[in-house]
Amino acid sequence: MSGVDPPDFNSPSQIRSFLTARGFNPQKRFGQNFLIQPNARAEIINELELTGGESVWEIGPGIGQMTFELLKRAGEVTVFEIDRGFIAILRELFSEHPRLRIVEGDVLKTWPSEAERFGSNEGEEAASARPFLVGNLPYNAASAILRSLVEHNYLPRRTVITVQKELADRIVAEPGSTAYSSFSLLCRLAWDVRAGMVLKPGNFYPRPEVDSRVVVLKPRGDQPEEAVRVEALHLLRCLFASRRKTIRNNLQSCLPGGRQAAETCCRSAGIDPGGRPGEISVDLLISLASQVLDYRRRDS
C-alpha cells in the first residue's frame, strides 16, 4: 500500500519531474544519487539473503526506490533519513504502509536508540534478532557509520552497502596492498568482507563522478572476547599513527613499558616489530591485543 503514485524509478526524467514538482534538486542534497538500474537493485536485495519476515534497516532511502522492494521481501522496514524533503516524500509515498518506520535525523545519532528495540546487545540469541542493513551511503558518511557500528559492537545480521569504489577497495583490501589501512583492519575485526558488483556512474541519477561498488559484510564467526576487541581498537589508532614508521615505533608510545614492551608483545604475537603496520592481518592484530592485555596485567 502507498499514498501517491511513485515515479518510474528507472527513468531519470520522471524522477526529475517528481522532485521538481516538490521543489528541490537532488544534486545539492546530501550527495544523494538514485539507483535507476532495476537489476542492480534486485541484486543488492538478493545479497541480503532475506527469507521473509526479517527486520531491515535502510540508510538513506531517498525517494524509496529500494524501500518498495524491501517491503515485498522483509517484515518491518526502518528507514533512516536526514533530509526533510525526502522525509516528506516518503510520508507521501508510504502514508498507508503499516510495516514502514521512518527515523528522522542523522543516523549516527539515531541508530543506537533504534537498536534498543531489539533487546540485549550480547549473546547469540541477541545477535540473531538484530536487523539486516542495506544502504547507498555517501562517501563522507559511510566510514563513520561502519566505524560507529564496530566501536559499539552492534553488527547487523548481514550488511549490504553501496559506496564509492575507492572506499570499497579499502574495506576489502588485503594486508600489504596499497589500499590496506587501519579502516580495512577495523572492518575485518568485525566482519567477513566481500566485494560485490561495480556500478558505473550511468547506473545512477544524478550521475556521480566516480564508480561505486557493493560490499557485503557478515559478522565474523570467531568474534574476539570483549576485552581483546576493545584493546584491538585502541591498538589500531597506535599502529597506524604513521604508516612509514615500524610497528615497534608506533606501538611503543602506547605501552607503559615503551620500546621493550612493544618488542616483547610483538614477538609473542608472531609479529616482526620492525615490520610496517600495513602488513598486519586481523588475526595478528587480535593476537597482539591478547599479548598486550597480558602485558598490562603483569605490569599492573
C-alpha atoms as a PDB file:
ATOM      1  CA  MET A   1       0.000   0.000   0.000  1.00  0.00           C
ATOM      2  CA  SER A   2       1.175   3.524  -0.675  1.00  0.00           C
ATOM      3  CA  GLY A   3      -0.094   7.078  -0.776  1.00  0.00           C
ATOM      4  CA  VAL A   4       0.679   8.952  -4.014  1.00  0.00           C
ATOM      5  CA  ASP A   5       1.930   7.050  -7.045  1.00  0.00           C
ATOM      6  CA  PRO A   6       5.748   6.898  -7.220  1.00  0.00           C
ATOM      7  CA  PRO A   7       7.664   7.899 -10.341  1.00  0.00           C
ATOM      8  CA  ASP A   8       9.211   5.285 -12.609  1.00  0.00           C
ATOM      9  CA  PHE A   9      12.385   4.612 -10.610  1.00  0.00           C
ATOM     10  CA  ASN A  10      14.195   3.587 -13.811  1.00  0.00           C
ATOM     11  CA  SER A  11      13.533   6.914 -15.539  1.00  0.00           C
ATOM     12  CA  PRO A  12      15.727   9.956 -14.777  1.00  0.00           C
ATOM     13  CA  SER A  13      13.217  12.259 -16.452  1.00  0.00           C
ATOM     14  CA  GLN A  14      10.347  11.008 -14.297  1.00  0.00           C
ATOM     15  CA  ILE A  15      12.433  11.229 -11.138  1.00  0.00           C
ATOM     16  CA  ARG A  16      13.497  14.750 -12.057  1.00  0.00           C
ATOM     17  CA  SER A  17       9.890  15.805 -12.720  1.00  0.00           C
ATOM     18  CA  PHE A  18       8.729  14.197  -9.481  1.00  0.00           C
ATOM     19  CA  LEU A  19      11.375  16.064  -7.472  1.00  0.00           C
ATOM     20  CA  THR A  20      10.971  19.366  -9.318  1.00  0.00           C
ATOM     21  CA  ALA A  21       7.261  19.313  -8.553  1.00  0.00           C
ATOM     22  CA  ARG A  22       8.242  19.161  -4.889  1.00  0.00           C
ATOM     23  CA  GLY A  23      10.733  21.971  -5.142  1.00  0.00           C
ATOM     24  CA  PHE A  24      14.217  20.564  -4.869  1.00  0.00           C
ATOM     25  CA  ASN A  25      17.266  19.382  -6.785  1.00  0.00           C
ATOM     26  CA  PRO A  26      18.807  16.075  -5.643  1.00  0.00           C
ATOM     27  CA  GLN A  27      22.297  17.129  -6.726  1.00  0.00           C
ATOM     28  CA  LYS A  28      22.506  19.532  -3.798  1.00  0.00           C
ATOM     29  CA  ARG A  29      21.040  17.304  -1.112  1.00  0.00           C
ATOM     30  CA  PHE A  30      23.391  15.131   0.960  1.00  0.00           C
ATOM     31  CA  GLY A  31      25.115  13.525  -2.025  1.00  0.00           C
ATOM     32  CA  GLN A  32      22.005  11.532  -2.916  1.00  0.00           C
ATOM     33  CA  ASN A  33      22.186   9.525  -6.133  1.00  0.00           C
ATOM     34  CA  PHE A  34      19.261   7.297  -7.086  1.00  0.00           C
ATOM     35  CA  LEU A  35      19.949   3.805  -8.391  1.00  0.00           C
ATOM     36  CA  ILE A  36      17.969   3.628 -11.640  1.00  0.00           C
ATOM     37  CA  GLN A  37      19.055   0.131 -12.723  1.00  0.00           C
ATOM     38  CA  PRO A  38      16.367  -2.381 -11.662  1.00  0.00           C
ATOM     39  CA  ASN A  39      18.629  -5.437 -11.995  1.00  0.00           C
ATOM     40  CA  ALA A  40      21.199  -3.792  -9.709  1.00  0.00           C
ATOM     41  CA  ARG A  41      18.532  -3.011  -7.109  1.00  0.00           C
ATOM     42  CA  ALA A  42      17.344  -6.627  -7.248  1.00  0.00           C
ATOM     43  CA  GLU A  43      20.875  -7.995  -6.888  1.00  0.00           C
ATOM     44  CA  ILE A  44      21.586  -5.802  -3.866  1.00  0.00           C
ATOM     45  CA  ILE A  45      18.444  -7.026  -2.132  1.00  0.00           C
ATOM     46  CA  ASN A  46      19.290 -10.620  -3.069  1.00  0.00           C
ATOM     47  CA  GLU A  47      22.656 -10.151  -1.335  1.00  0.00           C
ATOM     48  CA  LEU A  48      20.783  -9.628   1.939  1.00  0.00           C
ATOM     49  CA  GLU A  49      19.582 -13.248   1.701  1.00  0.00           C
ATOM     50  CA  LEU A  50      16.212 -12.492   3.241  1.00  0.00           C
ATOM     51  CA  THR A  51      13.907 -15.457   3.757  1.00  0.00           C
ATOM     52  CA  GLY A  52      10.803 -13.481   4.722  1.00  0.00           C
ATOM     53  CA  GLY A  53       9.658 -11.557   7.772  1.00  0.00           C
ATOM     54  CA  GLU A  54      13.054 -10.171   8.828  1.00  0.00           C
ATOM     55  CA  SER A  55      13.536  -6.636  10.080  1.00  0.00           C
ATOM     56  CA  VAL A  56      15.617  -4.457   7.758  1.00  0.00           C
ATOM     57  CA  TRP A  57      17.250  -1.083   8.268  1.00  0.00           C
ATOM     58  CA  GLU A  58      17.758   1.068   5.209  1.00  0.00           C
ATOM     59  CA  ILE A  59      20.069   4.074   5.431  1.00  0.00           C
ATOM     60  CA  GLY A  60      19.382   6.929   3.026  1.00  0.00           C
ATOM     61  CA  PRO A  61      16.206   5.695   1.299  1.00  0.00           C
ATOM     62  CA  GLY A  62      15.815   8.898  -0.725  1.00  0.00           C
ATOM     63  CA  ILE A  63      12.524   8.576  -2.609  1.00  0.00           C
ATOM     64  CA  GLY A  64      12.031   4.917  -1.758  1.00  0.00           C
ATOM     65  CA  GLN A  65      13.223   3.077  -4.854  1.00  0.00           C
ATOM     66  CA  MET A  66      14.778   0.308  -2.710  1.00  0.00           C
ATOM     67  CA  THR A  67      12.192   0.647   0.031  1.00  0.00           C
ATOM     68  CA  PHE A  68       9.325  -0.538  -2.161  1.00  0.00           C
ATOM     69  CA  GLU A  69      11.242  -3.718  -2.992  1.00  0.00           C
ATOM     70  CA  LEU A  70      12.293  -4.328   0.609  1.00  0.00           C
ATOM     71  CA  LEU A  71       8.688  -4.179   1.769  1.00  0.00           C
ATOM     72  CA  LYS A  72       7.898  -7.021  -0.619  1.00  0.00           C
ATOM     73  CA  ARG A  73      10.636  -9.230   0.844  1.00  0.00           C
ATOM     74  CA  ALA A  74      11.030  -8.249   4.508  1.00  0.00           C
ATOM     75  CA  GLY A  75       8.899  -7.753   7.585  1.00  0.00           C
ATOM     76  CA  GLU A  76       9.324  -4.374   9.268  1.00  0.00           C
ATOM     77  CA  VAL A  77      11.461  -1.891   7.322  1.00  0.00           C
ATOM     78  CA  THR A  78      13.024   1.017   9.200  1.00  0.00           C
ATOM     79  CA  VAL A  79      14.457   3.813   7.067  1.00  0.00           C
ATOM     80  CA  PHE A  80      16.941   6.399   8.354  1.00  0.00           C
ATOM     81  CA  GLU A  81      16.709   9.720   6.527  1.00  0.00           C
ATOM     82  CA  ILE A  82      18.296  13.056   7.386  1.00  0.00           C
ATOM     83  CA  ASP A  83      16.807  15.214   4.621  1.00  0.00           C
ATOM     84  CA  ARG A  84      13.462  16.796   5.453  1.00  0.00           C
ATOM     85  CA  GLY A  85      12.469  16.974   1.792  1.00  0.00           C
ATOM     86  CA  PHE A  86      12.947  13.243   1.318  1.00  0.00           C
ATOM     87  CA  ILE A  87      11.173  12.560   4.607  1.00  0.00           C
ATOM     88  CA  ALA A  88       8.140  14.454   3.304  1.00  0.00           C
ATOM     89  CA  ILE A  89       8.245  12.422   0.081  1.00  0.00           C
ATOM     90  CA  LEU A  90       8.499   9.142   1.974  1.00  0.00           C
ATOM     91  CA  ARG A  91       5.476  10.097   4.045  1.00  0.00           C
ATOM     92  CA  GLU A  92       3.597  10.813   0.815  1.00  0.00           C
ATOM     93  CA  LEU A  93       4.572   7.568  -0.847  1.00  0.00           C
ATOM     94  CA  PHE A  94       4.132   5.271   2.151  1.00  0.00           C
ATOM     95  CA  SER A  95       1.374   7.021   4.081  1.00  0.00           C
ATOM     96  CA  GLU A  96      -0.708   3.857   4.250  1.00  0.00           C
ATOM     97  CA  HIS A  97       2.018   1.271   4.745  1.00  0.00           C
ATOM     98  CA  PRO A  98       1.903  -0.274   8.255  1.00  0.00           C
ATOM     99  CA  ARG A  99       5.323  -2.002   8.131  1.00  0.00           C
ATOM    100  CA  LEU A 100       7.416   1.069   7.377  1.00  0.00           C
ATOM    101  CA  ARG A 101       9.040   3.165  10.096  1.00  0.00           C
ATOM    102  CA  ILE A 102      10.743   6.462   9.257  1.00  0.00           C
ATOM    103  CA  VAL A 103      13.502   7.604  11.601  1.00  0.00           C
ATOM    104  CA  GLU A 104      14.372  11.255  11.071  1.00  0.00           C
ATOM    105  CA  GLY A 105      17.814  12.764  11.592  1.00  0.00           C
ATOM    106  CA  ASP A 106      21.479  11.799  11.437  1.00  0.00           C
ATOM    107  CA  VAL A 107      21.748   8.002  11.516  1.00  0.00           C
ATOM    108  CA  LEU A 108      24.910   8.239  13.642  1.00  0.00           C
ATOM    109  CA  LYS A 109      22.775   9.789  16.374  1.00  0.00           C
ATOM    110  CA  THR A 110      19.583   7.781  15.890  1.00  0.00           C
ATOM    111  CA  TRP A 111      20.642   4.183  15.285  1.00  0.00           C
ATOM    112  CA  PRO A 112      21.638   3.365  18.910  1.00  0.00           C
ATOM    113  CA  SER A 113      18.139   4.098  20.233  1.00  0.00           C
ATOM    114  CA  GLU A 114      16.646   2.041  17.402  1.00  0.00           C
ATOM    115  CA  ALA A 115      18.964  -0.830  18.318  1.00  0.00           C
ATOM    116  CA  GLU A 116      17.461  -0.875  21.811  1.00  0.00           C
ATOM    117  CA  ARG A 117      14.180  -2.040  20.280  1.00  0.00           C
ATOM    118  CA  PHE A 118      15.860  -5.370  19.521  1.00  0.00           C
ATOM    119  CA  GLY A 119      16.777  -6.054  23.134  1.00  0.00           C
ATOM    120  CA  SER A 120      20.103  -7.140  24.603  1.00  0.00           C
ATOM    121  CA  ASN A 121      23.347  -6.480  22.750  1.00  0.00           C
ATOM    122  CA  GLU A 122      25.009  -9.669  23.972  1.00  0.00           C
ATOM    123  CA  GLY A 123      24.793 -13.345  23.143  1.00  0.00           C
ATOM    124  CA  GLU A 124      23.939 -15.402  20.069  1.00  0.00           C
ATOM    125  CA  GLU A 125      20.192 -15.016  20.577  1.00  0.00           C
ATOM    126  CA  ALA A 126      20.514 -11.215  20.633  1.00  0.00           C
ATOM    127  CA  ALA A 127      22.679 -11.257  17.502  1.00  0.00           C
ATOM    128  CA  SER A 128      20.169 -13.404  15.601  1.00  0.00           C
ATOM    129  CA  ALA A 129      17.382 -10.946  16.460  1.00  0.00           C
ATOM    130  CA  ARG A 130      19.191  -7.945  15.007  1.00  0.00           C
ATOM    131  CA  PRO A 131      18.059  -6.318  11.778  1.00  0.00           C
ATOM    132  CA  PHE A 132      19.641  -6.624   8.360  1.00  0.00           C
ATOM    133  CA  LEU A 133      21.168  -3.427   6.972  1.00  0.00           C
ATOM    134  CA  VAL A 134      21.231  -2.003   3.446  1.00  0.00           C
ATOM    135  CA  GLY A 135      22.072   1.420   2.078  1.00  0.00           C
ATOM    136  CA  ASN A 136      23.617   3.528  -0.656  1.00  0.00           C
ATOM    137  CA  LEU A 137      25.982   5.526   1.536  1.00  0.00           C
ATOM    138  CA  PRO A 138      27.673   8.834   0.717  1.00  0.00           C
ATOM    139  CA  TYR A 139      31.469   8.590   0.904  1.00  0.00           C
ATOM    140  CA  ASN A 140      31.817  11.054   3.785  1.00  0.00           C
ATOM    141  CA  ALA A 141      29.237   9.202   5.901  1.00  0.00           C
ATOM    142  CA  ALA A 142      29.954   5.550   5.073  1.00  0.00           C
ATOM    143  CA  SER A 143      33.189   5.148   7.026  1.00  0.00           C
ATOM    144  CA  ALA A 144      31.756   6.931  10.065  1.00  0.00           C
ATOM    145  CA  ILE A 145      28.658   4.704  10.058  1.00  0.00           C
ATOM    146  CA  LEU A 146      30.657   1.478   9.820  1.00  0.00           C
ATOM    147  CA  ARG A 147      33.105   2.688  12.465  1.00  0.00           C
ATOM    148  CA  SER A 148      30.227   3.526  14.804  1.00  0.00           C
ATOM    149  CA  LEU A 149      28.737   0.023  14.445  1.00  0.00           C
ATOM    150  CA  VAL A 150      32.104  -1.637  15.107  1.00  0.00           C
ATOM    151  CA  GLU A 151      33.007   0.548  18.083  1.00  0.00           C
ATOM    152  CA  HIS A 152      29.593  -0.077  19.660  1.00  0.00           C
ATOM    153  CA  ASN A 153      29.911  -3.786  18.788  1.00  0.00           C
ATOM    154  CA  TYR A 154      26.487  -3.765  17.153  1.00  0.00           C
ATOM    155  CA  LEU A 155      26.680  -5.836  13.990  1.00  0.00           C
ATOM    156  CA  PRO A 156      23.550  -6.299  11.880  1.00  0.00           C
ATOM    157  CA  ARG A 157      22.891  -9.884  10.798  1.00  0.00           C
ATOM    158  CA  ARG A 158      24.043  -9.020   7.292  1.00  0.00           C
ATOM    159  CA  THR A 159      25.070  -5.665   5.829  1.00  0.00           C
ATOM    160  CA  VAL A 160      24.979  -4.812   2.128  1.00  0.00           C
ATOM    161  CA  ILE A 161      26.125  -1.301   1.282  1.00  0.00           C
ATOM    162  CA  THR A 162      26.899   0.615  -1.877  1.00  0.00           C
ATOM    163  CA  VAL A 163      29.801   3.039  -1.517  1.00  0.00           C
ATOM    164  CA  GLN A 164      32.302   4.801  -3.714  1.00  0.00           C
ATOM    165  CA  LYS A 165      34.654   2.219  -5.176  1.00  0.00           C
ATOM    166  CA  GLU A 166      37.681   3.828  -3.516  1.00  0.00           C
ATOM    167  CA  LEU A 167      36.194   3.167  -0.084  1.00  0.00           C
ATOM    168  CA  ALA A 168      35.047  -0.322  -1.078  1.00  0.00           C
ATOM    169  CA  ASP A 169      38.613  -1.109  -2.132  1.00  0.00           C
ATOM    170  CA  ARG A 170      39.836  -0.024   1.298  1.00  0.00           C
ATOM    171  CA  ILE A 171      37.255  -2.190   3.070  1.00  0.00           C
ATOM    172  CA  VAL A 172      38.180  -5.377   1.184  1.00  0.00           C
ATOM    173  CA  ALA A 173      41.936  -4.695   0.808  1.00  0.00           C
ATOM    174  CA  GLU A 174      44.410  -7.407   1.803  1.00  0.00           C
ATOM    175  CA  PRO A 175      47.444  -6.844   4.063  1.00  0.00           C
ATOM    176  CA  GLY A 176      50.399  -5.410   2.194  1.00  0.00           C
ATOM    177  CA  SER A 177      48.331  -3.798  -0.557  1.00  0.00           C
ATOM    178  CA  THR A 178      48.306  -0.068  -1.244  1.00  0.00           C
ATOM    179  CA  ALA A 179      44.639   0.312  -0.221  1.00  0.00           C
ATOM    180  CA  TYR A 180      45.109  -1.560   3.086  1.00  0.00           C
ATOM    181  CA  SER A 181      44.663   0.742   6.081  1.00  0.00           C
ATOM    182  CA  SER A 182      43.539   0.913   9.696  1.00  0.00           C
ATOM    183  CA  PHE A 183      39.985   1.103   8.347  1.00  0.00           C
ATOM    184  CA  SER A 184      40.483  -2.189   6.479  1.00  0.00           C
ATOM    185  CA  LEU A 185      41.549  -3.798   9.752  1.00  0.00           C
ATOM    186  CA  LEU A 186      38.690  -2.169  11.671  1.00  0.00           C
ATOM    187  CA  CYS A 187      36.165  -3.713   9.279  1.00  0.00           C
ATOM    188  CA  ARG A 188      37.831  -7.132   9.329  1.00  0.00           C
ATOM    189  CA  LEU A 189      37.873  -7.103  13.118  1.00  0.00           C
ATOM    190  CA  ALA A 190      34.074  -7.242  13.000  1.00  0.00           C
ATOM    191  CA  TRP A 191      33.139  -8.728   9.638  1.00  0.00           C
ATOM    192  CA  ASP A 192      33.980 -11.190   6.933  1.00  0.00           C
ATOM    193  CA  VAL A 193      34.048  -8.834   3.952  1.00  0.00           C
ATOM    194  CA  ARG A 194      33.315  -9.472   0.292  1.00  0.00           C
ATOM    195  CA  ALA A 195      33.338  -7.157  -2.699  1.00  0.00           C
ATOM    196  CA  GLY A 196      30.202  -7.224  -4.845  1.00  0.00           C
ATOM    197  CA  MET A 197      29.412  -5.721  -8.225  1.00  0.00           C
ATOM    198  CA  VAL A 198      30.873  -2.475  -9.538  1.00  0.00           C
ATOM    199  CA  LEU A 199      28.292   0.153 -10.512  1.00  0.00           C
ATOM    200  CA  LYS A 200      29.302   2.649 -13.175  1.00  0.00           C
ATOM    201  CA  PRO A 201      28.033   6.259 -12.952  1.00  0.00           C
ATOM    202  CA  GLY A 202      25.353   5.596 -15.561  1.00  0.00           C
ATOM    203  CA  ASN A 203      23.513   3.358 -13.080  1.00  0.00           C
ATOM    204  CA  PHE A 204      22.583   6.436 -11.048  1.00  0.00           C
ATOM    205  CA  TYR A 205      20.680   9.674 -11.370  1.00  0.00           C
ATOM    206  CA  PRO A 206      22.199  12.185 -10.995  1.00  0.00           C
ATOM    207  CA  ARG A 207      25.377  10.605 -12.363  1.00  0.00           C
ATOM    208  CA  PRO A 208      28.168  10.602  -9.773  1.00  0.00           C
ATOM    209  CA  GLU A 209      31.713  11.361 -10.887  1.00  0.00           C
ATOM    210  CA  VAL A 210      33.166   8.041  -9.746  1.00  0.00           C
ATOM    211  CA  ASP A 211      32.391   4.318  -9.805  1.00  0.00           C
ATOM    212  CA  SER A 212      30.571   2.727  -6.889  1.00  0.00           C
ATOM    213  CA  ARG A 213      30.774  -0.784  -5.521  1.00  0.00           C
ATOM    214  CA  VAL A 214      28.596  -3.062  -3.424  1.00  0.00           C
ATOM    215  CA  VAL A 215      30.217  -4.543  -0.307  1.00  0.00           C
ATOM    216  CA  VAL A 216      28.770  -7.441   1.696  1.00  0.00           C
ATOM    217  CA  LEU A 217      29.605  -7.631   5.418  1.00  0.00           C
ATOM    218  CA  LYS A 218      28.813 -10.672   7.545  1.00  0.00           C
ATOM    219  CA  PRO A 219      29.732 -10.836  11.262  1.00  0.00           C
ATOM    220  CA  ARG A 220      32.842 -12.932  11.891  1.00  0.00           C
ATOM    221  CA  GLY A 221      32.104 -16.375  13.207  1.00  0.00           C
ATOM    222  CA  ASP A 222      35.024 -16.129  15.658  1.00  0.00           C
ATOM    223  CA  GLN A 223      34.446 -12.798  17.351  1.00  0.00           C
ATOM    224  CA  PRO A 224      37.193 -11.957  19.878  1.00  0.00           C
ATOM    225  CA  GLU A 225      36.217 -11.604  23.513  1.00  0.00           C
ATOM    226  CA  GLU A 226      35.205  -8.082  24.512  1.00  0.00           C
ATOM    227  CA  ALA A 227      38.399  -7.081  26.330  1.00  0.00           C
ATOM    228  CA  VAL A 228      40.516  -8.186  23.359  1.00  0.00           C
ATOM    229  CA  ARG A 229      38.226  -6.399  20.908  1.00  0.00           C
ATOM    230  CA  VAL A 230      38.469  -3.119  22.840  1.00  0.00           C
ATOM    231  CA  GLU A 231      42.262  -3.418  23.082  1.00  0.00           C
ATOM    232  CA  ALA A 232      42.478  -4.142  19.359  1.00  0.00           C
ATOM    233  CA  LEU A 233      40.542  -0.963  18.575  1.00  0.00           C
ATOM    234  CA  HIS A 234      42.935   1.007  20.786  1.00  0.00           C
ATOM    235  CA  LEU A 235      45.962  -0.574  19.118  1.00  0.00           C
ATOM    236  CA  LEU A 236      44.676   0.322  15.659  1.00  0.00           C
ATOM    237  CA  ARG A 237      44.988   4.014  16.458  1.00  0.00           C
ATOM    238  CA  CYS A 238      48.532   3.486  17.712  1.00  0.00           C
ATOM    239  CA  LEU A 239      49.757   1.180  14.970  1.00  0.00           C
ATOM    240  CA  PHE A 240      48.702   3.453  12.132  1.00  0.00           C
ATOM    241  CA  ALA A 241      49.769   6.727  13.730  1.00  0.00           C
ATOM    242  CA  SER A 242      52.407   6.788  10.987  1.00  0.00           C
ATOM    243  CA  ARG A 243      52.428   4.254   8.141  1.00  0.00           C
ATOM    244  CA  ARG A 244      56.111   4.955   7.472  1.00  0.00           C
ATOM    245  CA  LYS A 245      57.240   4.048  10.969  1.00  0.00           C
ATOM    246  CA  THR A 246      57.828   0.495  12.129  1.00  0.00           C
ATOM    247  CA  ILE A 247      55.249  -1.370  14.179  1.00  0.00           C
ATOM    248  CA  ARG A 248      57.627  -1.116  17.138  1.00  0.00           C
ATOM    249  CA  ASN A 249      57.988   2.666  16.915  1.00  0.00           C
ATOM    250  CA  ASN A 250      54.249   3.262  16.578  1.00  0.00           C
ATOM    251  CA  LEU A 251      53.368   0.856  19.362  1.00  0.00           C
ATOM    252  CA  GLN A 252      55.940   1.893  21.961  1.00  0.00           C
ATOM    253  CA  SER A 253      54.202   5.195  22.743  1.00  0.00           C
ATOM    254  CA  CYS A 254      51.015   3.327  23.702  1.00  0.00           C
ATOM    255  CA  LEU A 255      52.515   0.888  26.182  1.00  0.00           C
ATOM    256  CA  PRO A 256      53.798   1.648  29.680  1.00  0.00           C
ATOM    257  CA  GLY A 257      56.924  -0.408  29.017  1.00  0.00           C
ATOM    258  CA  GLY A 258      57.770   1.573  25.904  1.00  0.00           C
ATOM    259  CA  ARG A 259      60.088   0.051  23.297  1.00  0.00           C
ATOM    260  CA  GLN A 260      60.846  -3.118  25.251  1.00  0.00           C
ATOM    261  CA  ALA A 261      57.153  -3.809  25.832  1.00  0.00           C
ATOM    262  CA  ALA A 262      56.439  -3.291  22.135  1.00  0.00           C
ATOM    263  CA  GLU A 263      59.210  -5.749  21.210  1.00  0.00           C
ATOM    264  CA  THR A 264      58.006  -8.363  23.688  1.00  0.00           C
ATOM    265  CA  CYS A 265      54.323  -8.163  22.739  1.00  0.00           C
ATOM    266  CA  CYS A 266      55.032  -8.227  19.010  1.00  0.00           C
ATOM    267  CA  ARG A 267      57.302 -11.242  19.154  1.00  0.00           C
ATOM    268  CA  SER A 268      54.878 -13.113  21.443  1.00  0.00           C
ATOM    269  CA  ALA A 269      52.120 -12.432  18.899  1.00  0.00           C
ATOM    270  CA  GLY A 270      54.239 -13.641  15.977  1.00  0.00           C
ATOM    271  CA  ILE A 271      54.759 -10.155  14.537  1.00  0.00           C
ATOM    272  CA  ASP A 272      58.055  -8.711  13.300  1.00  0.00           C
ATOM    273  CA  PRO A 273      58.435  -5.498  15.349  1.00  0.00           C
ATOM    274  CA  GLY A 274      60.458  -3.985  12.519  1.00  0.00           C
ATOM    275  CA  GLY A 275      57.670  -4.517  10.006  1.00  0.00           C
ATOM    276  CA  ARG A 276      55.127  -1.945   8.831  1.00  0.00           C
ATOM    277  CA  PRO A 277      51.572  -1.618  10.132  1.00  0.00           C
ATOM    278  CA  GLY A 278      50.143  -2.269   6.665  1.00  0.00           C
ATOM    279  CA  GLU A 279      51.423  -5.864   6.874  1.00  0.00           C
ATOM    280  CA  ILE A 280      49.372  -6.850   9.938  1.00  0.00           C
ATOM    281  CA  SER A 281      46.424  -9.191   9.336  1.00  0.00           C
ATOM    282  CA  VAL A 282      43.338  -9.175  11.537  1.00  0.00           C
ATOM    283  CA  ASP A 283      44.375 -12.472  13.159  1.00  0.00           C
ATOM    284  CA  LEU A 284      47.755 -10.976  14.079  1.00  0.00           C
ATOM    285  CA  LEU A 285      46.029  -7.855  15.420  1.00  0.00           C
ATOM    286  CA  ILE A 286      43.832  -9.996  17.676  1.00  0.00           C
ATOM    287  CA  SER A 287      46.876 -11.973  18.819  1.00  0.00           C
ATOM    288  CA  LEU A 288      48.753  -8.731  19.550  1.00  0.00           C
ATOM    289  CA  ALA A 289      45.791  -7.364  21.525  1.00  0.00           C
ATOM    290  CA  SER A 290      45.789 -10.522  23.671  1.00  0.00           C
ATOM    291  CA  GLN A 291      49.514 -10.193  24.338  1.00  0.00           C
ATOM    292  CA  VAL A 292      49.197  -6.510  25.209  1.00  0.00           C
ATOM    293  CA  LEU A 293      46.380  -7.281  27.644  1.00  0.00           C
ATOM    294  CA  ASP A 294      48.531  -9.924  29.309  1.00  0.00           C
ATOM    295  CA  TYR A 295      51.434  -7.477  29.476  1.00  0.00           C
ATOM    296  CA  ARG A 296      49.258  -4.798  31.068  1.00  0.00           C
ATOM    297  CA  ARG A 297      48.013  -7.277  33.678  1.00  0.00           C
ATOM    298  CA  ARG A 298      51.577  -8.333  34.541  1.00  0.00           C
ATOM    299  CA  ASP A 299      52.724  -4.714  34.673  1.00  0.00           C
ATOM    300  CA  SER A 300      49.924  -3.539  36.965  1.00  0.00           C
END
